[in-house]
Protein backbone atom coordinates (compact mmCIF):
# COMPACT_ATOMS: atom_id res chain seq x y z
CA UNK A 1 44.20 90.95 -38.51
CA UNK A 2 41.61 88.07 -38.09
CA UNK A 3 43.95 84.62 -37.70
CA UNK A 4 41.80 81.49 -37.89
CA UNK A 5 43.05 77.90 -36.56
CA UNK A 6 41.59 74.43 -37.97
CA UNK A 7 41.79 71.10 -36.25
CA UNK A 8 40.10 67.54 -35.83
CA UNK A 9 41.07 66.22 -38.99
CA UNK A 10 43.09 62.91 -39.07
CA UNK A 11 42.11 59.57 -40.85
CA UNK A 12 38.85 57.72 -40.41
CA UNK A 13 37.16 54.31 -42.01
CA UNK A 14 34.29 54.70 -44.45
CA UNK A 15 31.34 55.52 -41.97
CA UNK A 16 32.97 56.91 -39.50
CA UNK A 17 32.64 60.44 -38.10
CA UNK A 18 35.26 63.79 -37.53
CA UNK A 19 34.65 67.22 -36.03
CA UNK A 20 36.44 69.76 -37.57
CA UNK A 21 36.72 72.82 -35.17
CA UNK A 22 38.27 76.39 -36.22
CA UNK A 23 39.44 78.55 -33.58
CA UNK A 24 39.39 82.58 -34.80
CA UNK A 25 41.16 85.05 -33.30
CA UNK A 26 39.59 89.18 -33.11
CA UNK A 27 36.98 90.42 -31.08
CA UNK A 28 34.61 90.65 -33.57
CA UNK A 29 33.75 87.15 -34.34
CA UNK A 30 30.15 87.52 -33.77
CA UNK A 31 29.94 89.43 -36.38
CA UNK A 32 31.35 87.32 -39.11
CA UNK A 33 29.67 85.11 -41.09
CA UNK A 34 32.17 81.96 -40.89
CA UNK A 35 32.91 79.26 -43.77
CA UNK A 36 34.27 75.71 -44.65
CA UNK A 37 35.43 74.74 -47.80
CA UNK A 38 37.64 71.70 -49.15
CA UNK A 39 40.20 71.11 -51.90
CA UNK A 40 40.44 67.40 -53.09
CA UNK A 41 43.51 66.21 -54.60
CA UNK A 42 43.45 67.68 -58.24
CA UNK A 43 40.68 70.11 -57.79
CA UNK A 44 39.50 73.15 -57.14
CA UNK A 45 38.81 74.34 -53.47
CA UNK A 46 34.88 73.95 -53.13
CA UNK A 47 32.28 75.46 -50.77
CA UNK A 48 31.25 72.90 -48.23
CA UNK A 49 29.16 74.78 -45.37
CA UNK A 50 28.50 78.13 -43.89
CA UNK A 51 26.53 79.60 -41.07
CA UNK A 52 25.66 83.17 -40.75
CA UNK A 53 26.64 85.73 -38.03
CA UNK A 54 23.47 87.52 -37.92
CA UNK A 55 21.23 84.30 -36.47
CA UNK A 56 23.50 81.27 -37.33
CA UNK A 57 21.61 80.14 -39.48
CA UNK A 58 23.31 77.00 -41.44
CA UNK A 59 23.69 76.38 -44.97
CA UNK A 60 25.18 73.54 -46.42
CA UNK A 61 26.01 71.55 -49.91
CA UNK A 62 23.36 69.06 -50.60
CA UNK A 63 26.02 66.18 -50.23
CA UNK A 64 26.31 67.32 -46.99
CA UNK A 65 22.91 68.45 -45.72
CA UNK A 66 21.78 64.96 -43.97
CA UNK A 67 25.11 64.12 -42.99
CA UNK A 68 27.17 67.30 -41.55
CA UNK A 69 26.16 70.42 -38.92
CA UNK A 70 27.91 73.53 -38.56
CA UNK A 71 27.70 75.34 -35.46
CA UNK A 72 29.51 78.08 -33.67
CA UNK A 73 30.19 79.75 -30.47
CA UNK A 74 30.55 83.05 -30.31
CA UNK A 75 31.78 83.12 -26.68
CA UNK A 76 34.57 81.08 -27.42
CA UNK A 77 35.10 82.04 -30.98
CA UNK A 78 34.73 79.03 -32.75
CA UNK A 79 32.84 77.00 -35.50
CA UNK A 80 32.74 73.58 -35.58
CA UNK A 81 31.98 71.23 -38.50
CA UNK A 82 30.51 67.70 -37.20
CA UNK A 83 30.95 64.93 -40.21
CA UNK A 84 29.17 61.95 -40.40
CA UNK A 85 28.90 58.77 -42.83
CA UNK A 86 32.15 59.75 -43.81
CA UNK A 87 33.20 58.88 -47.75
CA UNK A 88 36.22 57.92 -49.55
CA UNK A 89 35.01 60.97 -51.46
CA UNK A 90 35.17 63.43 -48.45
CA UNK A 91 38.90 63.00 -48.64
CA UNK A 92 40.12 66.68 -48.80
CA UNK A 93 42.06 69.41 -47.30
CA UNK A 94 39.52 71.11 -45.34
CA UNK A 95 39.79 75.11 -44.79
CA UNK A 96 37.98 77.31 -42.69
CA UNK A 97 36.92 80.98 -43.80
CA UNK A 98 35.55 84.38 -42.28
CA UNK A 99 33.48 86.53 -44.19
CA UNK A 100 34.17 90.08 -42.41
CA UNK A 101 32.21 92.03 -45.42
CA UNK A 102 28.54 90.59 -44.37
CA UNK A 103 27.51 88.70 -47.41
CA UNK A 104 24.67 87.31 -47.77
CA UNK A 105 24.85 83.58 -47.39
CA UNK A 106 28.54 83.95 -48.69
CA UNK A 107 29.37 80.43 -50.64
CA UNK A 108 32.13 81.75 -52.97
CA UNK A 109 35.87 82.12 -52.40
CA UNK A 110 35.50 85.66 -53.11
CA UNK A 111 33.20 86.27 -50.54
CA UNK A 112 35.91 85.45 -47.52
CA UNK A 113 38.47 87.63 -46.53
CA UNK A 114 40.62 85.43 -44.03
CA UNK A 115 41.96 81.53 -44.26
CA UNK A 116 43.01 78.96 -42.47
CA UNK A 117 45.93 77.23 -43.03
CA UNK A 118 43.82 74.00 -43.52
CA UNK A 119 43.38 70.20 -41.94
CA UNK A 120 43.41 66.88 -43.89
CA UNK A 121 40.84 64.80 -43.84
CA UNK A 122 41.77 61.26 -45.45
CA UNK A 123 38.92 58.77 -45.37
CA UNK A 124 40.18 55.09 -46.37
CA UNK A 125 37.98 52.23 -47.19
């Protein structure tokens, strides 16, 4: 069973940065597409960024493209989300997720099989 553990969340001021990390158990991490989602209070969970297993191609939501970077380290079984220029609208619980079915650029919840417990990101103004 794949287990995911996020870390790196916290409280940051507007314009600040945070780096979220996700440690993934399991011998075949290199074959998983990985994604980050977030859920703000009173809103549905939404896709933020993903990275493919085949060639580590990143793909991000439009609002994140110029500010954030998603990377993976297959030797350490980790995926990270570097978030810069944070704003109050980025306040949410952030979740790491693994797609074990090799979907093409998965960006929907149903395309991901395993989830972490989430880490809170709060941006104060």
